[in-house]
C-alpha atoms as a PDB file:
ATOM      1  CA  MET A   1      10.614   7.502 -21.566  1.00  0.00           C
ATOM      2  CA  GLU A   2      12.160   9.698 -18.472  1.00  0.00           C
ATOM      3  CA  ASP A   3       8.655   9.638 -17.061  1.00  0.00           C
ATOM      4  CA  ILE A   4       8.577   5.655 -17.175  1.00  0.00           C
ATOM      5  CA  ASP A   5      12.006   5.668 -15.411  1.00  0.00           C
ATOM      6  CA  GLN A   6      11.020   7.819 -12.581  1.00  0.00           C
ATOM      7  CA  TRP A   7       7.673   5.837 -12.356  1.00  0.00           C
ATOM      8  CA  VAL A   8       9.861   2.660 -11.821  1.00  0.00           C
ATOM      9  CA  GLU A   9      12.479   4.480  -9.311  1.00  0.00           C
ATOM     10  CA  GLN A  10       9.402   5.495  -7.270  1.00  0.00           C
ATOM     11  CA  LEU A  11       7.352   2.543  -7.414  1.00  0.00           C
ATOM     12  CA  SER A  12      10.745   0.335  -6.355  1.00  0.00           C
ATOM     13  CA  GLU A  13      11.481   2.629  -3.170  1.00  0.00           C
ATOM     14  CA  ALA A  14       7.542   1.928  -2.195  1.00  0.00           C
ATOM     15  CA  GLU A  15       8.092  -1.779  -2.992  1.00  0.00           C
ATOM     16  CA  THR A  16      11.124  -1.932  -0.474  1.00  0.00           C
ATOM     17  CA  LYS A  17       9.218   0.104   2.126  1.00  0.00           C
ATOM     18  CA  ILE A  18       6.127  -2.180   2.050  1.00  0.00           C
ATOM     19  CA  ALA A  19       8.383  -4.944   2.070  1.00  0.00           C
ATOM     20  CA  GLU A  20      10.015  -3.840   5.765  1.00  0.00           C
ATOM     21  CA  ALA A  21       6.584  -3.288   6.976  1.00  0.00           C
ATOM     22  CA  TYR A  22       5.494  -6.719   5.749  1.00  0.00           C
ATOM     23  CA  THR A  23       8.632  -7.902   7.762  1.00  0.00           C
ATOM     24  CA  ILE A  24       7.865  -5.925  11.059  1.00  0.00           C
ATOM     25  CA  LEU A  25       4.167  -6.947  10.898  1.00  0.00           C
ATOM     26  CA  ALA A  26       4.554 -10.423  10.083  1.00  0.00           C
ATOM     27  CA  GLU A  27       6.870 -10.995  13.119  1.00  0.00           C
ATOM     28  CA  LEU A  28       4.255  -8.628  15.376  1.00  0.00           C
ATOM     29  CA  GLN A  29       1.755 -11.201  14.162  1.00  0.00           C
ATOM     30  CA  GLN A  30       3.988 -14.221  15.243  1.00  0.00           C
ATOM     31  CA  ALA A  31       4.261 -12.641  18.559  1.00  0.00           C
ATOM     32  CA  LEU A  32       0.937 -11.861  19.041  1.00  0.00           C
ATOM     33  CA  LYS A  33       0.062 -15.739  18.452  1.00  0.00           C
ATOM     34  CA  GLU A  34       2.537 -16.739  20.418  1.00  0.00           C
ATOM     35  CA  ALA A  35       1.176 -14.469  23.145  1.00  0.00           C
ATOM     36  CA  GLY A  36      -2.437 -15.459  22.910  1.00  0.00           C
ATOM     37  CA  GLN A  37      -3.453 -12.461  21.210  1.00  0.00           C
ATOM     38  CA  LYS A  38      -5.710 -14.464  18.634  1.00  0.00           C
ATOM     39  CA  LYS A  39      -7.734 -11.273  17.604  1.00  0.00           C
ATOM     40  CA  ASP A  40      -5.303  -8.812  17.232  1.00  0.00           C
ATOM     41  CA  ALA A  41      -3.148 -11.520  15.481  1.00  0.00           C
ATOM     42  CA  GLN A  42      -5.472 -12.073  12.850  1.00  0.00           C
ATOM     43  CA  ALA A  43      -6.088  -8.228  12.396  1.00  0.00           C
ATOM     44  CA  ILE A  44      -2.322  -7.888  11.840  1.00  0.00           C
ATOM     45  CA  GLY A  45      -2.622 -10.554   9.453  1.00  0.00           C
ATOM     46  CA  GLU A  46      -4.884  -8.961   7.210  1.00  0.00           C
ATOM     47  CA  ALA A  47      -2.479  -6.065   7.011  1.00  0.00           C
ATOM     48  CA  VAL A  48      -0.264  -8.510   6.207  1.00  0.00           C
ATOM     49  CA  GLU A  49      -2.058 -10.142   3.781  1.00  0.00           C
ATOM     50  CA  ARG A  50      -2.714  -6.768   2.058  1.00  0.00           C
ATOM     51  CA  LEU A  51       0.796  -5.557   1.891  1.00  0.00           C
ATOM     52  CA  ALA A  52       1.756  -8.987   0.210  1.00  0.00           C
ATOM     53  CA  ARG A  53      -1.145  -8.177  -2.536  1.00  0.00           C
ATOM     54  CA  TYR A  54       0.021  -4.543  -2.905  1.00  0.00           C
ATOM     55  CA  GLY A  55       3.970  -6.013  -3.519  1.00  0.00           C
ATOM     56  CA  ARG A  56       2.720  -8.025  -6.350  1.00  0.00           C
ATOM     57  CA  LEU A  57       0.837  -5.520  -8.099  1.00  0.00           C
ATOM     58  CA  PHE A  58       3.708  -2.920  -7.890  1.00  0.00           C
ATOM     59  CA  GLU A  59       5.970  -5.653  -9.415  1.00  0.00           C
ATOM     60  CA  ASP A  60       3.196  -6.440 -12.209  1.00  0.00           C
ATOM     61  CA  MET A  61       2.825  -2.709 -12.861  1.00  0.00           C
ATOM     62  CA  ARG A  62       6.593  -2.135 -13.171  1.00  0.00           C
ATOM     63  CA  GLN A  63       6.953  -5.050 -15.372  1.00  0.00           C
ATOM     64  CA  SER A  64       4.219  -3.829 -17.875  1.00  0.00           C
ATOM     65  CA  TRP A  65       5.923  -0.810 -17.969  1.00  0.00           C
ATOM     66  CA  ALA A  66       9.306  -2.392 -19.145  1.00  0.00           C
ATOM     67  CA  ASP A  67       6.995  -4.660 -21.618  1.00  0.00           C
ATOM     68  CA  PRO A  68       7.239  -2.620 -25.018  1.00  0.00           C
ATOM     69  CA  ASP A  69       4.182  -4.279 -26.199  1.00  0.00           C
ATOM     70  CA  ARG A  70       1.829  -2.630 -23.675  1.00  0.00           C
END
């Protein structure tokens, strides 16, 4: 059980950092769009989408670890 607690803590820390990166990149994407840098905004948009998927994946993993029927 101690291992799972440590994993949950590490995953939570990673989720926090991903959320911070997501926010920064989403703001940059918007600024690039407003500046007419469509290709750059699209490239950043891909990274933003991936970060969102990783965040959801990590959340699902944490929840599965908390489920006693796993």
